[in-house]
Protein backbone atom coordinates (compact mmCIF):
# COMPACT_ATOMS: atom_id res chain seq x y z
CA MET A 1 -11.16 121.31 -116.09
CA THR A 2 -9.65 119.60 -119.10
CA ALA A 3 -11.07 116.51 -120.76
CA THR A 4 -8.02 114.61 -119.66
CA ARG A 5 -8.44 115.23 -115.93
CA LYS A 6 -9.35 112.33 -113.86
CA ALA A 7 -8.97 111.12 -110.21
CA TYR A 8 -8.24 107.74 -108.67
CA ARG A 9 -9.08 106.77 -105.06
CA ALA A 10 -7.33 104.11 -103.14
CA ALA A 11 -4.51 103.61 -100.68
CA LEU A 12 -1.50 105.52 -101.95
CA LEU A 13 2.21 104.80 -101.17
CA HIS A 14 5.47 106.09 -102.62
CA SER A 15 9.00 106.61 -101.74
CA LEU A 16 10.36 110.06 -100.75
CA ALA A 17 14.08 109.14 -100.25
CA ASP A 18 16.45 106.24 -99.81
CA PRO A 19 15.80 104.59 -96.49
CA ALA A 20 19.71 104.07 -96.09
CA GLU A 21 20.15 107.90 -96.24
CA VAL A 22 17.15 109.35 -94.29
CA GLY A 23 15.99 106.38 -92.13
CA ILE A 24 12.81 104.21 -92.69
CA GLU A 25 10.20 106.55 -91.33
CA ALA A 26 11.27 109.71 -93.40
CA SER A 27 11.67 107.57 -96.63
CA TYR A 28 8.01 107.00 -97.55
CA GLU A 29 4.60 108.66 -97.68
CA TYR A 30 1.36 106.70 -97.08
CA VAL A 31 -2.15 107.76 -97.28
CA GLU A 32 -4.85 105.09 -96.25
CA ASP A 33 -7.59 106.72 -98.11
CA GLY A 34 -5.91 108.71 -100.96
CA LEU A 35 -6.72 110.73 -104.12
CA LEU A 36 -4.42 110.79 -107.15
CA VAL A 37 -5.53 113.63 -109.50
CA ILE A 38 -4.20 113.32 -113.04
CA ASP A 39 -4.26 115.98 -115.76
CA GLN A 40 -2.63 115.93 -119.14
CA GLY A 41 -0.72 112.85 -118.43
CA HIS A 42 0.92 114.32 -115.31
CA ILE A 43 -0.03 114.04 -111.55
CA GLN A 44 -1.64 117.27 -110.54
CA ALA A 45 -2.34 116.38 -106.85
CA MET A 46 -1.93 113.47 -104.43
CA GLY A 47 -3.21 113.47 -100.83
CA ALA A 48 -6.02 112.65 -98.54
CA ALA A 49 -9.37 111.96 -100.25
CA SER A 50 -11.14 113.91 -97.59
CA ASP A 51 -8.99 117.01 -98.42
CA LEU A 52 -8.95 116.77 -102.15
CA LEU A 53 -12.49 115.50 -103.18
CA PRO A 54 -14.12 118.95 -102.21
CA THR A 55 -11.83 120.77 -104.48
CA LEU A 56 -12.62 118.84 -107.51
CA ASP A 57 -15.16 120.13 -110.14
CA ALA A 58 -18.47 118.23 -110.01
CA ASP A 59 -18.16 116.47 -113.24
CA ILE A 60 -14.74 115.01 -112.74
CA GLU A 61 -14.57 111.28 -113.02
CA VAL A 62 -13.34 109.59 -109.70
CA VAL A 63 -12.36 105.95 -110.07
CA HIS A 64 -12.41 104.19 -106.75
CA TYR A 65 -10.49 101.17 -105.87
CA PRO A 66 -11.48 100.06 -102.21
CA ASP A 67 -9.34 97.10 -101.99
CA ALA A 68 -6.14 98.25 -103.59
CA LEU A 69 -2.84 100.12 -103.37
CA ILE A 70 -1.52 102.67 -105.87
CA THR A 71 2.22 102.97 -106.14
CA PRO A 72 4.45 104.67 -108.69
CA GLY A 73 4.90 102.49 -111.86
CA PHE A 74 7.81 99.94 -111.45
CA ILE A 75 11.25 100.71 -113.12
CA ASP A 76 13.41 97.84 -114.50
CA THR A 77 17.04 99.05 -114.87
CA HIS A 78 18.17 95.93 -116.77
CA ILE A 79 16.41 93.67 -119.07
CA HIS A 80 17.07 91.82 -122.28
CA PHE A 81 14.25 92.24 -124.98
CA PRO A 82 15.69 89.54 -127.28
CA GLN A 83 15.99 86.99 -124.61
CA THR A 84 12.16 86.79 -124.09
CA GLY A 85 11.77 83.52 -125.98
CA MET A 86 14.44 81.58 -123.90
CA ILE A 87 13.43 82.73 -120.38
CA GLY A 88 13.40 79.69 -118.14
CA SER A 89 16.13 77.83 -120.30
CA TYR A 90 18.09 75.20 -118.23
CA GLY A 91 20.70 77.05 -116.12
CA GLU A 92 24.44 76.85 -116.75
CA GLN A 93 27.18 79.31 -115.95
CA LEU A 94 27.04 82.54 -117.48
CA LEU A 95 29.57 82.03 -120.34
CA ASP A 96 28.22 78.67 -121.35
CA TRP A 97 24.69 79.85 -121.01
CA LEU A 98 25.35 82.69 -123.47
CA ASN A 99 26.79 80.28 -126.08
CA THR A 100 24.16 77.60 -125.65
CA TYR A 101 20.91 79.78 -125.45
CA THR A 102 21.49 83.42 -125.75
CA PHE A 103 23.30 83.82 -129.07
CA PRO A 104 21.12 81.55 -130.97
CA CYS A 105 18.08 83.15 -129.58
CA GLU A 106 19.27 86.59 -130.49
CA ARG A 107 20.14 85.49 -134.01
CA GLN A 108 16.49 85.66 -135.02
CA PHE A 109 16.32 89.45 -134.48
CA ALA A 110 17.85 90.02 -137.93
CA ASP A 111 14.33 89.57 -139.14
CA LYS A 112 12.39 92.60 -138.53
CA GLY A 113 9.01 90.69 -138.54
CA HIS A 114 10.25 88.45 -135.75
CA ALA A 115 11.55 91.48 -133.72
CA ASP A 116 8.01 93.19 -134.15
CA GLN A 117 6.26 90.03 -132.77
CA VAL A 118 8.59 89.69 -129.92
CA ALA A 119 8.43 93.50 -129.05
CA ASP A 120 4.57 93.22 -128.81
CA ILE A 121 4.91 90.20 -126.43
CA PHE A 122 7.80 91.91 -124.37
CA LEU A 123 5.98 95.26 -123.73
CA ALA A 124 2.74 93.49 -122.90
CA GLU A 125 4.65 91.52 -120.19
CA LEU A 126 6.23 94.59 -118.78
CA LEU A 127 2.92 96.35 -118.48
CA ARG A 128 1.12 93.22 -117.26
CA ASN A 129 3.59 93.24 -114.46
CA GLY A 130 3.52 96.88 -113.62
CA THR A 131 6.67 97.97 -115.12
CA THR A 132 6.31 101.30 -116.88
CA THR A 133 9.91 102.34 -117.50
CA ALA A 134 12.75 99.87 -118.53
CA LEU A 135 16.36 100.01 -119.54
CA VAL A 136 16.53 97.52 -122.35
CA PHE A 137 19.19 95.56 -124.29
CA GLY A 138 18.45 95.03 -127.84
CA SER A 139 20.22 92.62 -130.01
CA VAL A 140 23.14 93.54 -132.33
CA HIS A 141 20.68 94.19 -135.08
CA PRO A 142 19.27 97.69 -135.57
CA GLU A 143 15.97 95.90 -136.50
CA SER A 144 15.61 94.87 -132.80
CA VAL A 145 15.69 98.39 -131.52
CA ASN A 146 13.52 99.86 -134.24
CA ALA A 147 10.85 97.28 -133.49
CA LEU A 148 10.99 97.95 -129.89
CA PHE A 149 10.86 101.71 -130.03
CA GLU A 150 8.08 101.73 -132.67
CA GLN A 151 5.97 99.67 -130.24
CA ALA A 152 6.75 101.75 -127.25
CA GLU A 153 6.17 105.06 -129.16
CA ARG A 154 2.71 103.86 -130.01
CA LEU A 155 1.95 103.41 -126.14
CA ASP A 156 3.79 106.54 -125.02
CA LEU A 157 6.05 104.56 -122.79
CA ARG A 158 9.19 105.96 -121.18
CA LEU A 159 11.70 103.49 -122.56
CA ILE A 160 15.49 103.39 -122.80
CA ALA A 161 17.12 100.95 -125.11
CA GLY A 162 20.21 100.37 -127.54
CA LYS A 163 21.65 98.07 -130.09
CA VAL A 164 24.21 95.52 -128.69
CA MET A 165 27.83 96.54 -129.88
CA MET A 166 29.87 93.15 -130.05
CA ASP A 167 32.88 92.72 -132.50
CA ARG A 168 34.56 89.70 -130.97
CA ASN A 169 34.24 86.57 -128.93
CA ALA A 170 30.87 85.91 -130.33
CA PRO A 171 29.42 83.96 -133.24
CA ASP A 172 30.15 85.57 -136.76
CA TYR A 173 26.19 85.90 -137.18
CA LEU A 174 26.00 88.37 -134.21
CA THR A 175 29.26 90.45 -134.47
CA ASP A 176 29.43 93.97 -135.82
CA THR A 177 32.70 95.91 -136.21
CA ALA A 178 33.87 99.03 -134.32
CA GLU A 179 32.90 101.12 -137.46
CA THR A 180 29.48 99.59 -138.13
CA GLY A 181 28.59 99.48 -134.30
CA TYR A 182 29.39 103.12 -134.10
CA ARG A 183 27.49 103.98 -137.44
CA ASP A 184 24.32 101.96 -136.60
CA SER A 185 24.10 103.26 -133.08
CA GLN A 186 24.55 106.83 -134.18
CA ALA A 187 21.66 106.30 -136.68
CA LEU A 188 19.45 104.97 -134.02
CA ILE A 189 20.41 107.84 -131.66
CA GLN A 190 19.34 110.41 -134.50
CA ARG A 191 15.98 108.50 -135.12
CA TRP A 192 15.01 107.79 -131.56
CA HIS A 193 16.72 109.60 -128.71
CA GLY A 194 14.37 112.19 -127.20
CA LYS A 195 11.34 111.23 -129.51
CA GLY A 196 8.44 111.42 -127.15
CA ARG A 197 9.46 109.58 -123.91
CA LEU A 198 12.15 107.41 -125.75
CA GLN A 199 15.80 107.54 -124.97
CA TYR A 200 18.91 105.78 -126.34
CA ALA A 201 21.45 103.73 -124.51
CA VAL A 202 24.93 103.02 -126.01
CA THR A 203 25.09 99.14 -125.39
CA PRO A 204 28.42 97.42 -125.50
CA ARG A 205 27.40 93.90 -124.43
CA PHE A 206 30.42 93.53 -121.99
CA ALA A 207 34.15 94.13 -122.10
CA PRO A 208 34.99 90.67 -123.51
CA THR A 209 32.82 90.96 -126.55
CA SER A 210 34.18 94.41 -127.68
CA THR A 211 37.64 95.29 -128.78
CA PRO A 212 39.45 98.14 -127.42
CA GLU A 213 38.65 99.96 -130.69
CA GLN A 214 34.94 99.33 -130.12
CA LEU A 215 34.91 100.37 -126.53
CA ALA A 216 36.55 103.68 -127.73
CA ALA A 217 33.88 104.23 -130.22
CA ALA A 218 31.30 103.65 -127.51
CA GLY A 219 33.02 106.44 -125.64
CA ARG A 220 33.03 108.53 -128.68
CA LEU A 221 29.26 108.16 -128.99
CA LEU A 222 28.73 109.18 -125.45
CA LYS A 223 30.68 112.44 -126.05
CA GLU A 224 29.01 113.29 -129.44
CA ASN A 225 25.49 112.77 -128.00
CA PRO A 226 25.06 114.31 -124.57
CA GLY A 227 22.07 112.92 -122.78
CA VAL A 228 22.31 109.21 -124.02
CA TYR A 229 22.93 106.48 -121.61
CA LEU A 230 25.63 103.81 -121.31
CA HIS A 231 24.29 100.30 -120.49
CA THR A 232 26.46 97.19 -120.17
CA HIS A 233 27.50 94.32 -117.80
CA LEU A 234 30.03 94.44 -114.90
CA SER A 235 31.57 91.83 -112.81
CA GLU A 236 28.60 89.32 -112.78
CA ASN A 237 30.61 86.11 -112.82
CA LEU A 238 34.16 85.12 -111.56
CA LYS A 239 35.08 83.28 -114.68
CA GLU A 240 33.99 86.25 -116.55
CA ILE A 241 36.12 88.61 -114.44
CA ASP A 242 39.23 86.33 -115.13
CA TRP A 243 38.58 86.51 -118.82
CA VAL A 244 38.50 90.33 -118.66
CA LYS A 245 41.89 90.25 -117.04
CA GLU A 246 43.28 88.10 -119.66
CA LEU A 247 41.82 90.30 -122.46
CA PHE A 248 42.90 93.60 -120.78
CA PRO A 249 46.10 92.77 -118.86
CA GLU A 250 47.14 96.45 -118.81
CA ARG A 251 44.07 97.47 -116.73
CA SER A 252 43.84 97.14 -112.99
CA GLY A 253 40.43 95.48 -113.09
CA TYR A 254 37.10 95.14 -114.88
CA LEU A 255 35.55 98.63 -113.89
CA ASP A 256 38.96 100.02 -115.01
CA VAL A 257 38.52 98.89 -118.47
CA TYR A 258 35.36 100.92 -118.74
CA ASP A 259 36.89 103.76 -117.00
CA HIS A 260 39.86 103.98 -119.40
CA PHE A 261 37.44 104.23 -122.40
CA GLU A 262 35.52 106.98 -120.58
CA LEU A 263 32.24 104.98 -120.14
CA LEU A 264 31.60 106.01 -116.56
CA GLY A 265 29.16 108.89 -115.86
CA GLU A 266 25.88 109.99 -114.58
CA ARG A 267 23.82 107.98 -117.17
CA SER A 268 25.99 104.97 -117.09
CA VAL A 269 24.21 101.76 -115.82
CA PHE A 270 26.25 98.56 -115.06
CA ALA A 271 24.21 95.44 -114.67
CA HIS A 272 24.93 93.01 -111.89
CA GLY A 273 28.23 94.23 -110.09
CA VAL A 274 28.20 91.17 -107.97
CA HIS A 275 31.84 91.11 -107.30
CA LEU A 276 33.05 94.67 -106.66
CA CYS A 277 35.69 95.65 -104.47
CA ASP A 278 35.53 98.85 -102.30
CA ALA A 279 37.69 100.88 -104.76
CA GLU A 280 35.31 99.98 -107.50
CA CYS A 281 32.26 101.09 -105.54
CA GLU A 282 34.01 104.38 -104.69
CA ARG A 283 34.79 105.06 -108.27
CA LEU A 284 31.20 104.23 -109.22
CA ALA A 285 29.97 106.79 -106.70
CA GLU A 286 32.38 109.52 -107.82
CA THR A 287 31.38 109.37 -111.40
CA GLY A 288 27.62 109.10 -110.59
CA SER A 289 27.24 105.70 -112.23
CA ALA A 290 24.74 103.17 -111.29
CA VAL A 291 24.39 99.58 -110.59
CA ALA A 292 21.45 97.36 -111.54
CA PHE A 293 20.70 94.73 -108.86
CA CYS A 294 19.51 91.55 -110.62
CA PRO A 295 18.81 88.92 -107.91
CA THR A 296 16.90 86.30 -109.85
CA SER A 297 19.31 85.96 -112.71
CA ASN A 298 22.35 85.96 -110.17
CA LEU A 299 20.80 83.23 -108.25
CA PHE A 300 19.61 81.24 -111.46
CA LEU A 301 23.01 81.23 -113.04
CA GLY A 302 25.01 80.84 -109.74
CA SER A 303 26.77 84.07 -110.15
CA GLY A 304 26.88 85.26 -106.61
CA LEU A 305 25.09 87.58 -104.21
CA PHE A 306 25.05 91.27 -104.69
CA ASN A 307 26.42 93.23 -101.65
CA LEU A 308 23.72 95.96 -101.33
CA PRO A 309 25.13 97.15 -97.93
CA GLN A 310 28.39 97.86 -99.55
CA ALA A 311 26.89 99.80 -102.28
CA GLU A 312 24.87 101.75 -99.55
CA ARG A 313 28.12 102.47 -97.75
CA PHE A 314 29.70 104.12 -100.86
CA LYS A 315 26.55 105.78 -101.83
CA VAL A 316 26.43 103.95 -105.12
CA ASN A 317 23.10 104.58 -107.04
CA VAL A 318 21.41 101.12 -107.28
CA GLY A 319 18.21 100.23 -109.27
CA LEU A 320 16.53 96.84 -109.68
CA GLY A 321 16.70 94.65 -112.77
CA THR A 322 14.77 91.57 -113.75
CA ASP A 323 17.57 90.66 -116.40
CA VAL A 324 15.05 88.58 -118.37
CA GLY A 325 15.99 85.98 -119.84
CA ALA A 326 18.59 84.83 -117.28
CA GLY A 327 16.13 86.36 -114.85
CA THR A 328 13.13 84.14 -114.49
CA SER A 329 10.35 86.64 -114.19
CA PHE A 330 9.19 89.98 -115.64
CA SER A 331 7.72 90.90 -112.29
CA LEU A 332 9.59 93.25 -110.02
CA LEU A 333 7.37 92.12 -107.18
CA ASN A 334 8.89 88.54 -107.65
CA THR A 335 12.26 90.11 -108.15
CA LEU A 336 11.96 91.77 -104.85
CA ASN A 337 11.05 88.47 -103.17
CA GLU A 338 14.49 87.12 -104.50
CA ALA A 339 16.20 90.21 -103.42
CA TYR A 340 15.10 89.64 -99.84
CA LYS A 341 16.42 86.14 -99.85
CA VAL A 342 19.81 87.48 -101.37
CA MET A 343 20.08 89.80 -98.23
CA GLN A 344 19.18 86.94 -95.93
CA LEU A 345 21.71 84.72 -97.28
CA GLN A 346 24.42 87.48 -96.41
CA GLY A 347 22.96 88.00 -92.83
CA ALA A 348 21.66 91.51 -93.98
CA ARG A 349 18.04 92.87 -93.97
CA LEU A 350 16.02 94.27 -96.82
CA HIS A 351 13.25 96.42 -95.35
CA PRO A 352 9.93 96.57 -97.44
CA PHE A 353 10.36 100.29 -97.77
CA LYS A 354 13.87 99.82 -99.16
CA SER A 355 12.36 97.33 -101.62
CA LEU A 356 9.66 99.92 -102.63
CA TYR A 357 12.52 102.39 -103.11
CA LEU A 358 14.63 100.04 -105.30
CA ALA A 359 11.55 99.28 -107.61
CA THR A 360 10.59 102.84 -107.99
CA LEU A 361 12.39 105.97 -106.83
CA GLY A 362 15.67 104.11 -106.60
CA GLY A 363 15.48 102.99 -110.38
CA ALA A 364 14.42 106.55 -111.25
CA ARG A 365 17.43 108.04 -109.60
CA ALA A 366 19.76 105.38 -111.15
CA LEU A 367 18.41 106.62 -114.48
CA ARG A 368 18.67 110.27 -113.62
CA LEU A 369 14.87 110.49 -114.13
CA ASP A 370 13.76 111.13 -110.58
CA ASP A 371 12.47 114.68 -111.66
CA ARG A 372 9.72 112.95 -113.92
CA ILE A 373 9.14 109.46 -112.66
CA GLY A 374 9.50 107.24 -109.65
CA SER A 375 7.16 108.83 -107.12
CA LEU A 376 3.65 110.28 -106.90
CA ARG A 377 4.82 113.80 -106.42
CA PRO A 378 2.74 116.28 -108.18
CA GLY A 379 4.41 117.45 -111.49
CA ASN A 380 5.60 113.87 -112.29
CA GLU A 381 4.49 112.02 -115.32
CA ALA A 382 1.44 109.88 -114.44
CA ASP A 383 3.00 106.42 -114.36
CA PHE A 384 1.37 104.35 -111.60
CA VAL A 385 0.15 100.81 -110.85
CA VAL A 386 -2.87 99.70 -108.99
CA LEU A 387 -2.10 96.62 -106.83
CA ASP A 388 -5.12 94.46 -105.87
CA TYR A 389 -5.17 93.30 -102.33
CA LYS A 390 -7.59 90.48 -103.33
CA ALA A 391 -5.60 89.27 -106.49
CA THR A 392 -5.58 85.62 -105.22
CA PRO A 393 -7.47 83.80 -102.32
CA LEU A 394 -4.17 83.45 -100.37
CA LEU A 395 -3.18 87.05 -100.74
CA ASP A 396 -6.70 88.27 -99.77
CA TYR A 397 -6.65 85.96 -96.66
CA ARG A 398 -3.12 86.88 -95.78
CA LEU A 399 -3.69 90.58 -95.92
CA GLN A 400 -6.72 90.46 -93.73
CA GLN A 401 -4.19 89.65 -90.94
CA SER A 402 -2.00 92.67 -91.77
CA ARG A 403 -1.45 95.05 -89.03
CA SER A 404 0.46 97.90 -90.88
CA ILE A 405 1.33 99.08 -94.38
CA GLU A 406 4.86 97.86 -93.86
CA GLU A 407 3.46 94.39 -93.32
CA THR A 408 1.17 94.63 -96.26
CA LEU A 409 4.03 95.75 -98.45
CA PHE A 410 6.21 93.02 -97.47
CA VAL A 411 3.30 90.50 -98.26
CA LEU A 412 2.88 92.14 -101.70
CA THR A 413 6.53 91.53 -102.45
CA THR A 414 6.60 88.02 -101.10
CA LEU A 415 3.39 86.57 -102.43
CA GLY A 416 2.70 88.98 -105.38
CA ASP A 417 3.13 88.47 -109.06
CA ASP A 418 1.59 89.62 -112.36
CA ARG A 419 -1.89 88.63 -110.81
CA THR A 420 -1.49 91.37 -108.36
CA VAL A 421 -1.34 94.17 -110.92
CA ARG A 422 -4.89 95.09 -111.42
CA GLU A 423 -4.18 98.15 -114.04
CA THR A 424 -1.08 99.84 -115.18
CA TYR A 425 -0.98 103.46 -116.37
CA ALA A 426 1.59 105.18 -118.48
CA ALA A 427 1.35 109.12 -118.92
CA GLY A 428 -2.03 108.98 -117.35
CA ARG A 429 -3.46 106.46 -119.67
CA CYS A 430 -4.42 102.83 -118.93
CA VAL A 431 -2.10 100.54 -120.83
CA HIS A 432 -2.95 97.24 -118.98
CA LYS A 433 -6.17 96.06 -117.42
CA ARG A 434 -6.05 92.53 -115.91
CA ALA A 435 -8.70 90.31 -117.45
């Protein structure tokens, strides 16, 4: 036994596979009275407490949560760190909203002190809501990414982030150039990618704010730095799509712009994808690219309804994104509540175990990290959350009526929020404990 070995007893639940591929019953594992054994920041064992308790050394500490559910840590595949201070701003359509709220807010991140302050708030909010991995937009300023990575390194979090590249159709105070965007990104990659549990994402904001020269530079960064990510926006809003057609008349569509500059690949994540055609879904699947489903922001800005059944039909990897600050909550539980409604509005069904998959293993697969996070599989990094069945009086009363783990999970994603997260663990260490 090592000094870092510890065990946690509670109900355990995690995804094994995508329900769309294997069916509901084969997609999850649930242990009503389970034990999660952690050693050196990794999961050593998970299973029934009755089986595992007799195998433990007598002096190992066992932490018991009698009215709680342990799940893998939540994975947010699209969120904007610099927009923390403008979350909940009065909604407009996407392009007006960017000019009115987003760009002025992001201007402040040229100041490293401001970036440090917001990074502390941002990461605390993620952890308070049970999110242990996130794919994050910085601002155009390298200072924003340095501040975020410095804080994440101290907490030993798995975080992927990048400096925005934006050399046109934005205020002068927020633009770089194809050359400086490339140079600054390369320097950040050299400093941060692969350091601890940190990874870098090449981050052109979206096609309208990058010239062809800058998109080509982004493609060059991907080729020169195998293993880095590509993170951008795609087909969020109909006016945005029309704008892309005007700016790139030689291309057949929005996705084709990115494809032309060789930005599609197994570590490419495109936020939103609300208005994709079948051919675009097919191409995303062919290249192994992923889409981040962001229901709260799509509803908030009136952008449209993401077609999850279409993505499933073409076997596109899909993760879940809060998209703060157009998204109105850091909570992936709350985000799943909105995702359920998005499906309902389309006459489709979002099963509770599909919700669990999207927030955990699905996000890990979208990020090509399912060999390390996203489930409670032994050998994985010990990122997990403890969800409190008695977090609020209403939740407590409602769950007393629950007849199955399926019903319990649905109630957690319907009534749950940050109060439901009792504790959050990253690499086996408690990084948030509800007051």
